[in-house]
Amino acid sequence: MPATIKTGKAKRKDLAFFYKVPDGEPTYEIIGKRIEEASISQSAEVESVTDILGNRETDLSSYEKTTDLDPVYMEGGNKFAEFLDNLEETNAILDDCKATFLVVKMYKTSTDSKYVAWEQDAIVELTEFGGDTKGVNMPCTLHWVGERTMGTFDPSAKTFTADS
């Protein structure tokens, strides 16, 4: 898919994370209010071996990608916060902790002027529950799993279209 990257330094707000609300028609809720930093940590599995001849070989075999989100405050009507609250109430494990997310690169557009994006599942680890006087905080870690579905995001319709 040919894409164009905006000229100049990309602003952090131009890399957006969305929670895919599972009820009814697919809708996406942006994540990031009050969060000052959110990155996809790569955590590569790298192995280096030196053979008996002194040759060194290095292999990168996989990644365990994660994203820490903190703070995430409980707010009624915020579907992602409600999902996290439910994880805590039910002591959710296994697939009950899985959700789908959309990552949008608003600094990179496809030939039809839509943003380059992908959907991917993540296991959501609720790392704490409670917080201080600022509100009920539910920080979490997204453990990215499975393959990405690459596509485009139409900001006016707020829809994701997978590449064919």
N, C-alpha and C. Protein backbone atom coordinates (compact mmCIF):
# COMPACT_ATOMS: atom_id res chain seq x y z
N MET A 1 0.85 -1.17 0.00
CA MET A 1 0.00 0.00 0.00
C MET A 1 0.90 1.24 0.00
N PRO A 2 0.93 1.99 -1.08
CA PRO A 2 1.71 3.23 -1.08
C PRO A 2 1.12 4.22 -0.10
N ALA A 3 1.97 4.86 0.66
CA ALA A 3 1.52 5.83 1.64
C ALA A 3 2.43 7.04 1.63
N THR A 4 1.90 8.16 2.09
CA THR A 4 2.66 9.40 2.16
C THR A 4 2.79 9.83 3.61
N ILE A 5 4.00 10.17 4.00
CA ILE A 5 4.24 10.67 5.35
C ILE A 5 4.33 12.19 5.29
N LYS A 6 3.63 12.85 6.21
CA LYS A 6 3.66 14.32 6.27
C LYS A 6 5.10 14.80 6.41
N THR A 7 5.39 15.93 5.80
CA THR A 7 6.70 16.57 5.91
C THR A 7 6.87 17.13 7.32
N GLY A 8 8.06 17.01 7.85
CA GLY A 8 8.36 17.56 9.17
C GLY A 8 8.22 16.53 10.26
N LYS A 9 8.49 16.97 11.46
CA LYS A 9 8.46 16.10 12.64
C LYS A 9 7.01 15.75 13.00
N ALA A 10 6.74 14.46 13.17
CA ALA A 10 5.39 14.03 13.53
C ALA A 10 5.11 14.38 14.99
N LYS A 11 3.94 14.91 15.24
CA LYS A 11 3.52 15.23 16.60
C LYS A 11 3.03 13.95 17.28
N ARG A 12 3.21 13.84 18.59
CA ARG A 12 2.81 12.64 19.33
C ARG A 12 1.31 12.40 19.21
N LYS A 13 0.52 13.46 19.16
CA LYS A 13 -0.93 13.28 19.05
C LYS A 13 -1.33 12.63 17.73
N ASP A 14 -0.40 12.53 16.78
CA ASP A 14 -0.68 11.93 15.49
C ASP A 14 -0.46 10.41 15.45
N LEU A 15 -0.22 9.83 16.62
CA LEU A 15 -0.20 8.36 16.76
C LEU A 15 -1.24 8.04 17.82
N ALA A 16 -2.39 7.56 17.39
CA ALA A 16 -3.53 7.42 18.29
C ALA A 16 -3.88 5.96 18.55
N PHE A 17 -4.30 5.69 19.79
CA PHE A 17 -4.77 4.37 20.19
C PHE A 17 -6.28 4.46 20.43
N PHE A 18 -7.01 3.49 19.91
CA PHE A 18 -8.45 3.42 20.09
C PHE A 18 -8.83 2.04 20.64
N TYR A 19 -9.84 2.02 21.48
CA TYR A 19 -10.44 0.79 21.98
C TYR A 19 -11.63 0.49 21.08
N LYS A 20 -11.71 -0.75 20.59
CA LYS A 20 -12.84 -1.15 19.75
C LYS A 20 -13.97 -1.61 20.66
N VAL A 21 -15.03 -0.83 20.71
CA VAL A 21 -16.18 -1.15 21.56
C VAL A 21 -16.89 -2.35 20.96
N PRO A 22 -17.03 -3.44 21.73
CA PRO A 22 -17.54 -4.69 21.15
C PRO A 22 -19.05 -4.76 20.95
N ASP A 23 -19.80 -3.80 21.44
CA ASP A 23 -21.26 -3.87 21.33
C ASP A 23 -21.75 -3.35 19.99
N GLY A 24 -22.62 -4.12 19.33
CA GLY A 24 -23.27 -3.67 18.10
C GLY A 24 -22.31 -3.38 16.97
N GLU A 25 -22.58 -2.29 16.23
CA GLU A 25 -21.71 -1.87 15.14
C GLU A 25 -20.34 -1.50 15.69
N PRO A 26 -19.27 -1.84 14.97
CA PRO A 26 -17.94 -1.48 15.48
C PRO A 26 -17.80 0.04 15.62
N THR A 27 -17.47 0.45 16.84
CA THR A 27 -17.17 1.85 17.09
C THR A 27 -15.83 1.89 17.81
N TYR A 28 -15.15 3.00 17.68
CA TYR A 28 -13.83 3.15 18.27
C TYR A 28 -13.82 4.33 19.23
N GLU A 29 -13.29 4.09 20.42
CA GLU A 29 -13.19 5.12 21.44
C GLU A 29 -11.71 5.43 21.64
N ILE A 30 -11.35 6.70 21.50
CA ILE A 30 -9.94 7.08 21.62
C ILE A 30 -9.48 6.94 23.07
N ILE A 31 -8.23 6.51 23.23
CA ILE A 31 -7.60 6.36 24.54
C ILE A 31 -6.50 7.41 24.62
N GLY A 32 -6.38 8.07 25.76
CA GLY A 32 -5.26 8.99 25.91
C GLY A 32 -5.51 10.16 26.82
N LYS A 33 -6.75 10.40 27.20
CA LYS A 33 -7.03 11.54 28.07
C LYS A 33 -6.21 11.40 29.35
N ARG A 34 -5.42 12.41 29.68
CA ARG A 34 -4.56 12.51 30.85
C ARG A 34 -3.31 11.61 30.77
N ILE A 35 -3.18 10.79 29.76
CA ILE A 35 -2.00 9.94 29.61
C ILE A 35 -0.92 10.76 28.91
N GLU A 36 0.25 10.88 29.54
CA GLU A 36 1.32 11.71 28.98
C GLU A 36 2.28 10.94 28.10
N GLU A 37 2.28 9.62 28.21
CA GLU A 37 3.20 8.80 27.40
C GLU A 37 2.56 7.45 27.15
N ALA A 38 2.55 7.02 25.90
CA ALA A 38 2.07 5.69 25.54
C ALA A 38 2.86 5.24 24.31
N SER A 39 3.61 4.18 24.48
CA SER A 39 4.46 3.66 23.41
C SER A 39 4.25 2.16 23.29
N ILE A 40 4.60 1.63 22.14
CA ILE A 40 4.60 0.18 21.97
C ILE A 40 6.03 -0.27 22.22
N SER A 41 6.25 -0.84 23.42
CA SER A 41 7.58 -1.37 23.77
C SER A 41 7.82 -2.63 22.97
N GLN A 42 9.00 -2.75 22.41
CA GLN A 42 9.28 -3.83 21.46
C GLN A 42 9.72 -5.14 22.11
N SER A 43 10.55 -5.12 23.13
CA SER A 43 11.04 -6.31 23.84
C SER A 43 11.36 -7.48 22.90
N ALA A 44 12.39 -7.31 22.13
CA ALA A 44 12.79 -8.33 21.15
C ALA A 44 13.45 -9.53 21.83
N GLU A 45 13.23 -10.71 21.26
CA GLU A 45 13.90 -11.95 21.69
C GLU A 45 15.12 -12.10 20.77
N VAL A 46 16.29 -11.82 21.33
CA VAL A 46 17.53 -11.83 20.55
C VAL A 46 18.47 -12.87 21.15
N GLU A 47 19.05 -13.68 20.28
CA GLU A 47 20.01 -14.68 20.73
C GLU A 47 21.28 -14.55 19.90
N SER A 48 22.40 -14.46 20.58
CA SER A 48 23.70 -14.40 19.91
C SER A 48 24.50 -15.64 20.29
N VAL A 49 25.15 -16.21 19.30
CA VAL A 49 25.95 -17.42 19.50
C VAL A 49 27.30 -17.21 18.82
N THR A 50 28.36 -17.59 19.50
CA THR A 50 29.68 -17.59 18.89
C THR A 50 30.09 -19.05 18.69
N ASP A 51 30.36 -19.40 17.42
CA ASP A 51 30.72 -20.80 17.15
C ASP A 51 32.20 -21.05 17.47
N ILE A 52 32.64 -22.27 17.30
CA ILE A 52 34.00 -22.65 17.68
C ILE A 52 35.07 -22.02 16.79
N LEU A 53 34.64 -21.40 15.68
CA LEU A 53 35.58 -20.72 14.80
C LEU A 53 35.70 -19.23 15.14
N GLY A 54 34.92 -18.80 16.13
CA GLY A 54 34.97 -17.40 16.53
C GLY A 54 33.97 -16.52 15.80
N ASN A 55 33.14 -17.12 14.96
CA ASN A 55 32.12 -16.35 14.23
C ASN A 55 30.92 -16.10 15.13
N ARG A 56 30.45 -14.89 15.12
CA ARG A 56 29.29 -14.54 15.95
C ARG A 56 28.07 -14.38 15.05
N GLU A 57 26.99 -15.02 15.46
CA GLU A 57 25.73 -14.93 14.72
C GLU A 57 24.64 -14.48 15.68
N THR A 58 23.85 -13.53 15.23
CA THR A 58 22.77 -13.00 16.06
C THR A 58 21.45 -13.16 15.33
N ASP A 59 20.45 -13.69 16.04
CA ASP A 59 19.12 -13.86 15.48
C ASP A 59 18.11 -13.12 16.34
N LEU A 60 17.22 -12.43 15.69
CA LEU A 60 16.07 -11.82 16.35
C LEU A 60 14.88 -12.67 15.94
N SER A 61 14.29 -13.41 16.89
CA SER A 61 13.27 -14.39 16.53
C SER A 61 11.84 -13.93 16.76
N SER A 62 11.63 -12.98 17.65
CA SER A 62 10.25 -12.54 17.91
C SER A 62 10.26 -11.26 18.74
N TYR A 63 9.08 -10.72 18.91
CA TYR A 63 8.87 -9.56 19.76
C TYR A 63 7.75 -9.88 20.74
N GLU A 64 7.87 -9.36 21.95
CA GLU A 64 6.75 -9.36 22.87
C GLU A 64 6.43 -7.89 23.11
N LYS A 65 5.46 -7.40 22.35
CA LYS A 65 5.14 -5.97 22.37
C LYS A 65 4.11 -5.68 23.44
N THR A 66 4.33 -4.58 24.16
CA THR A 66 3.41 -4.15 25.21
C THR A 66 3.24 -2.64 25.16
N THR A 67 2.13 -2.18 25.72
CA THR A 67 1.88 -0.75 25.85
C THR A 67 1.32 -0.50 27.24
N ASP A 68 1.98 0.37 28.01
CA ASP A 68 1.50 0.76 29.34
C ASP A 68 0.63 1.99 29.21
N LEU A 69 -0.55 1.95 29.86
CA LEU A 69 -1.46 3.08 29.88
C LEU A 69 -1.71 3.49 31.33
N ASP A 70 -1.29 4.70 31.67
CA ASP A 70 -1.43 5.18 33.04
C ASP A 70 -1.35 6.70 33.04
N PRO A 71 -2.33 7.39 33.59
CA PRO A 71 -3.49 6.89 34.30
C PRO A 71 -4.66 6.61 33.35
N VAL A 72 -5.55 5.74 33.79
CA VAL A 72 -6.84 5.53 33.14
C VAL A 72 -7.88 5.66 34.25
N TYR A 73 -8.54 6.80 34.30
CA TYR A 73 -9.48 7.07 35.38
C TYR A 73 -10.87 6.52 35.04
N MET A 74 -11.56 6.05 36.07
CA MET A 74 -12.93 5.58 35.92
C MET A 74 -13.81 6.78 35.60
N GLU A 75 -14.48 6.71 34.47
CA GLU A 75 -15.43 7.74 34.06
C GLU A 75 -16.63 7.04 33.45
N GLY A 76 -17.81 7.28 34.00
CA GLY A 76 -19.02 6.70 33.42
C GLY A 76 -19.18 7.12 31.98
N GLY A 77 -19.57 6.18 31.13
CA GLY A 77 -19.71 6.46 29.71
C GLY A 77 -18.46 6.19 28.91
N ASN A 78 -17.32 6.02 29.58
CA ASN A 78 -16.07 5.68 28.91
C ASN A 78 -16.00 4.16 28.84
N LYS A 79 -16.19 3.62 27.65
CA LYS A 79 -16.31 2.16 27.48
C LYS A 79 -15.03 1.42 27.85
N PHE A 80 -13.86 2.00 27.60
CA PHE A 80 -12.62 1.34 27.96
C PHE A 80 -12.47 1.29 29.48
N ALA A 81 -12.78 2.39 30.16
CA ALA A 81 -12.74 2.41 31.64
C ALA A 81 -13.73 1.40 32.20
N GLU A 82 -14.91 1.30 31.61
CA GLU A 82 -15.90 0.33 32.08
C GLU A 82 -15.41 -1.10 31.87
N PHE A 83 -14.71 -1.35 30.76
CA PHE A 83 -14.11 -2.66 30.51
C PHE A 83 -13.09 -3.00 31.60
N LEU A 84 -12.22 -2.03 31.94
CA LEU A 84 -11.23 -2.25 32.99
C LEU A 84 -11.88 -2.48 34.34
N ASP A 85 -12.93 -1.72 34.65
CA ASP A 85 -13.65 -1.90 35.91
C ASP A 85 -14.23 -3.32 35.99
N ASN A 86 -14.74 -3.81 34.88
CA ASN A 86 -15.29 -5.17 34.83
C ASN A 86 -14.20 -6.21 35.02
N LEU A 87 -13.00 -5.97 34.48
CA LEU A 87 -11.88 -6.90 34.68
C LEU A 87 -11.60 -7.06 36.17
N GLU A 88 -11.62 -5.92 36.89
CA GLU A 88 -11.34 -5.96 38.32
C GLU A 88 -12.45 -6.67 39.09
N GLU A 89 -13.69 -6.36 38.77
CA GLU A 89 -14.83 -6.96 39.48
C GLU A 89 -14.89 -8.47 39.32
N THR A 90 -14.59 -8.94 38.13
CA THR A 90 -14.77 -10.37 37.83
C THR A 90 -13.49 -11.18 37.97
N ASN A 91 -12.36 -10.52 38.32
CA ASN A 91 -11.07 -11.21 38.35
C ASN A 91 -10.83 -11.95 37.03
N ALA A 92 -11.11 -11.27 35.94
CA ALA A 92 -11.05 -11.86 34.61
C ALA A 92 -9.67 -12.43 34.29
N ILE A 93 -9.69 -13.57 33.61
CA ILE A 93 -8.46 -14.21 33.15
C ILE A 93 -8.67 -14.73 31.72
N LEU A 94 -7.60 -15.18 31.11
CA LEU A 94 -7.61 -15.78 29.77
C LEU A 94 -8.31 -14.88 28.76
N ASP A 95 -9.18 -15.43 27.92
CA ASP A 95 -9.81 -14.64 26.86
C ASP A 95 -10.74 -13.55 27.36
N ASP A 96 -11.16 -13.62 28.63
CA ASP A 96 -12.01 -12.55 29.17
C ASP A 96 -11.24 -11.24 29.31
N CYS A 97 -9.91 -11.30 29.21
CA CYS A 97 -9.06 -10.10 29.30
C CYS A 97 -8.67 -9.58 27.92
N LYS A 98 -9.17 -10.22 26.88
CA LYS A 98 -8.77 -9.84 25.52
C LYS A 98 -9.71 -8.76 24.97
N ALA A 99 -9.12 -7.80 24.29
CA ALA A 99 -9.89 -6.75 23.63
C ALA A 99 -9.19 -6.41 22.32
N THR A 100 -9.89 -5.72 21.46
CA THR A 100 -9.33 -5.31 20.17
C THR A 100 -9.08 -3.81 20.20
N PHE A 101 -7.95 -3.43 19.64
CA PHE A 101 -7.53 -2.03 19.62
C PHE A 101 -7.19 -1.63 18.19
N LEU A 102 -7.25 -0.35 17.95
CA LEU A 102 -6.91 0.23 16.66
C LEU A 102 -5.79 1.23 16.89
N VAL A 103 -4.73 1.12 16.11
CA VAL A 103 -3.62 2.07 16.18
C VAL A 103 -3.62 2.84 14.86
N VAL A 104 -3.67 4.16 14.95
CA VAL A 104 -3.79 5.01 13.76
C VAL A 104 -2.59 5.94 13.67
N LYS A 105 -1.96 5.93 12.50
CA LYS A 105 -0.84 6.82 12.21
C LYS A 105 -1.38 8.01 11.42
N MET A 106 -1.76 9.07 12.13
CA MET A 106 -2.36 10.22 11.46
C MET A 106 -1.34 11.08 10.72
N TYR A 107 -0.09 10.71 10.82
CA TYR A 107 0.96 11.40 10.06
C TYR A 107 1.24 10.68 8.74
N LYS A 108 0.51 9.60 8.47
CA LYS A 108 0.77 8.78 7.29
C LYS A 108 -0.56 8.48 6.60
N THR A 109 -0.70 8.93 5.35
CA THR A 109 -1.96 8.75 4.64
C THR A 109 -1.79 7.82 3.44
N SER A 110 -2.86 7.10 3.16
CA SER A 110 -2.90 6.21 1.99
C SER A 110 -3.22 7.04 0.75
N THR A 111 -3.27 6.40 -0.39
CA THR A 111 -3.54 7.10 -1.65
C THR A 111 -4.93 7.72 -1.67
N ASP A 112 -5.87 7.20 -0.88
CA ASP A 112 -7.23 7.77 -0.82
C ASP A 112 -7.40 8.74 0.35
N SER A 113 -6.27 9.26 0.87
CA SER A 113 -6.24 10.27 1.94
C SER A 113 -6.81 9.78 3.27
N LYS A 114 -6.80 8.49 3.50
CA LYS A 114 -7.19 7.96 4.80
C LYS A 114 -5.90 7.63 5.55
N TYR A 115 -6.01 7.53 6.87
CA TYR A 115 -4.83 7.27 7.69
C TYR A 115 -4.45 5.80 7.69
N VAL A 116 -3.17 5.52 7.66
CA VAL A 116 -2.66 4.16 7.78
C VAL A 116 -2.93 3.70 9.22
N ALA A 117 -3.46 2.48 9.36
CA ALA A 117 -3.87 2.00 10.67
C ALA A 117 -3.82 0.48 10.71
N TRP A 118 -3.92 -0.05 11.93
CA TRP A 118 -4.09 -1.50 12.07
C TRP A 118 -4.92 -1.81 13.30
N GLU A 119 -5.63 -2.94 13.20
CA GLU A 119 -6.34 -3.50 14.35
C GLU A 119 -5.53 -4.66 14.86
N GLN A 120 -5.55 -4.84 16.19
CA GLN A 120 -4.85 -5.97 16.78
C GLN A 120 -5.45 -6.24 18.16
N ASP A 121 -5.48 -7.52 18.52
CA ASP A 121 -5.94 -7.91 19.84
C ASP A 121 -4.82 -7.71 20.85
N ALA A 122 -5.23 -7.52 22.10
CA ALA A 122 -4.28 -7.44 23.20
C ALA A 122 -4.93 -8.07 24.43
N ILE A 123 -4.10 -8.74 25.21
CA ILE A 123 -4.52 -9.18 26.53
C ILE A 123 -4.31 -7.97 27.44
N VAL A 124 -5.35 -7.60 28.17
CA VAL A 124 -5.29 -6.41 29.01
C VAL A 124 -5.01 -6.83 30.45
N GLU A 125 -3.84 -6.43 30.93
CA GLU A 125 -3.44 -6.71 32.31
C GLU A 125 -3.74 -5.47 33.14
N LEU A 126 -4.67 -5.59 34.06
CA LEU A 126 -4.97 -4.51 34.99
C LEU A 126 -3.87 -4.53 36.04
N THR A 127 -3.02 -3.50 36.07
CA THR A 127 -1.84 -3.54 36.94
C THR A 127 -2.09 -3.00 38.34
N GLU A 128 -3.09 -2.12 38.49
CA GLU A 128 -3.46 -1.58 39.79
C GLU A 128 -4.92 -1.17 39.73
N PHE A 129 -5.50 -0.94 40.89
CA PHE A 129 -6.88 -0.46 40.95
C PHE A 129 -7.01 0.40 42.20
N GLY A 130 -7.38 1.65 42.04
CA GLY A 130 -7.54 2.53 43.19
C GLY A 130 -7.07 3.92 42.88
N GLY A 131 -5.91 4.29 43.40
CA GLY A 131 -5.35 5.58 43.09
C GLY A 131 -5.36 6.54 44.26
N ASP A 132 -5.14 7.81 43.92
CA ASP A 132 -5.05 8.85 44.94
C ASP A 132 -6.26 9.77 44.85
N THR A 133 -6.12 10.98 45.32
CA THR A 133 -7.24 11.91 45.38
C THR A 133 -7.67 12.43 44.01
N LYS A 134 -6.92 12.11 42.96
CA LYS A 134 -7.29 12.56 41.61
C LYS A 134 -8.43 11.74 41.02
N GLY A 135 -8.68 10.55 41.58
CA GLY A 135 -9.76 9.71 41.08
C GLY A 135 -9.39 8.25 41.11
N VAL A 136 -10.36 7.41 40.79
CA VAL A 136 -10.13 5.96 40.73
C VAL A 136 -9.33 5.68 39.47
N ASN A 137 -8.10 5.22 39.65
CA ASN A 137 -7.18 4.96 38.55
C ASN A 137 -7.09 3.46 38.31
N MET A 138 -7.08 3.08 37.04
CA MET A 138 -6.98 1.67 36.65
C MET A 138 -5.90 1.52 35.59
N PRO A 139 -4.62 1.75 35.95
CA PRO A 139 -3.56 1.60 34.95
C PRO A 139 -3.51 0.16 34.45
N CYS A 140 -3.08 0.02 33.20
CA CYS A 140 -3.06 -1.32 32.61
C CYS A 140 -1.91 -1.44 31.61
N THR A 141 -1.63 -2.69 31.27
CA THR A 141 -0.65 -3.00 30.23
C THR A 141 -1.34 -3.80 29.15
N LEU A 142 -1.20 -3.35 27.91
CA LEU A 142 -1.71 -4.11 26.77
C LEU A 142 -0.59 -5.03 26.30
N HIS A 143 -0.85 -6.33 26.29
CA HIS A 143 0.09 -7.32 25.77
C HIS A 143 -0.43 -7.71 24.38
N TRP A 144 0.21 -7.16 23.36
CA TRP A 144 -0.25 -7.36 21.98
C TRP A 144 -0.12 -8.82 21.59
N VAL A 145 -1.17 -9.40 21.01
CA VAL A 145 -1.18 -10.81 20.62
C VAL A 145 -1.71 -10.94 19.19
N GLY A 146 -1.31 -12.03 18.54
CA GLY A 146 -1.80 -12.30 17.19
C GLY A 146 -1.22 -11.36 16.16
N GLU A 147 -1.74 -11.48 14.98
CA GLU A 147 -1.26 -10.68 13.85
C GLU A 147 -2.04 -9.37 13.75
N ARG A 148 -1.39 -8.37 13.25
CA ARG A 148 -2.05 -7.10 12.96
C ARG A 148 -2.87 -7.25 11.69
N THR A 149 -3.99 -6.58 11.65
CA THR A 149 -4.76 -6.45 10.42
C THR A 149 -4.54 -5.03 9.93
N MET A 150 -3.74 -4.90 8.89
CA MET A 150 -3.41 -3.58 8.36
C MET A 150 -4.57 -3.05 7.53
N GLY A 151 -4.70 -1.74 7.48
CA GLY A 151 -5.76 -1.12 6.71
C GLY A 151 -5.68 0.39 6.82
N THR A 152 -6.84 1.02 6.69
CA THR A 152 -6.92 2.48 6.78
C THR A 152 -8.07 2.88 7.70
N PHE A 153 -7.92 4.07 8.27
CA PHE A 153 -8.94 4.64 9.14
C PHE A 153 -9.47 5.91 8.50
N ASP A 154 -10.78 5.98 8.34
CA ASP A 154 -11.43 7.17 7.80
C ASP A 154 -11.88 8.02 8.99
N PRO A 155 -11.22 9.16 9.23
CA PRO A 155 -11.55 9.95 10.42
C PRO A 155 -12.95 10.57 10.37
N SER A 156 -13.47 10.86 9.19
CA SER A 156 -14.79 11.48 9.12
C SER A 156 -15.89 10.48 9.46
N ALA A 157 -15.75 9.25 9.00
CA ALA A 157 -16.75 8.20 9.30
C ALA A 157 -16.39 7.39 10.54
N LYS A 158 -15.15 7.56 11.03
CA LYS A 158 -14.62 6.79 12.16
C LYS A 158 -14.75 5.29 11.92
N THR A 159 -14.32 4.89 10.71
CA THR A 159 -14.36 3.46 10.35
C THR A 159 -12.98 2.97 9.94
N PHE A 160 -12.76 1.69 10.20
CA PHE A 160 -11.52 1.02 9.80
C PHE A 160 -11.86 0.08 8.66
N THR A 161 -11.03 0.10 7.61
CA THR A 161 -11.19 -0.80 6.47
C THR A 161 -9.90 -1.58 6.33
N ALA A 162 -10.01 -2.91 6.43
CA ALA A 162 -8.84 -3.78 6.29
C ALA A 162 -8.36 -3.80 4.85
N ASP A 163 -7.05 -3.92 4.67
CA ASP A 163 -6.49 -4.08 3.32
C ASP A 163 -6.98 -5.41 2.76
N SER A 164 -7.17 -5.41 1.44
CA SER A 164 -7.62 -6.68 0.83
C SER A 164 -6.48 -7.55 0.40
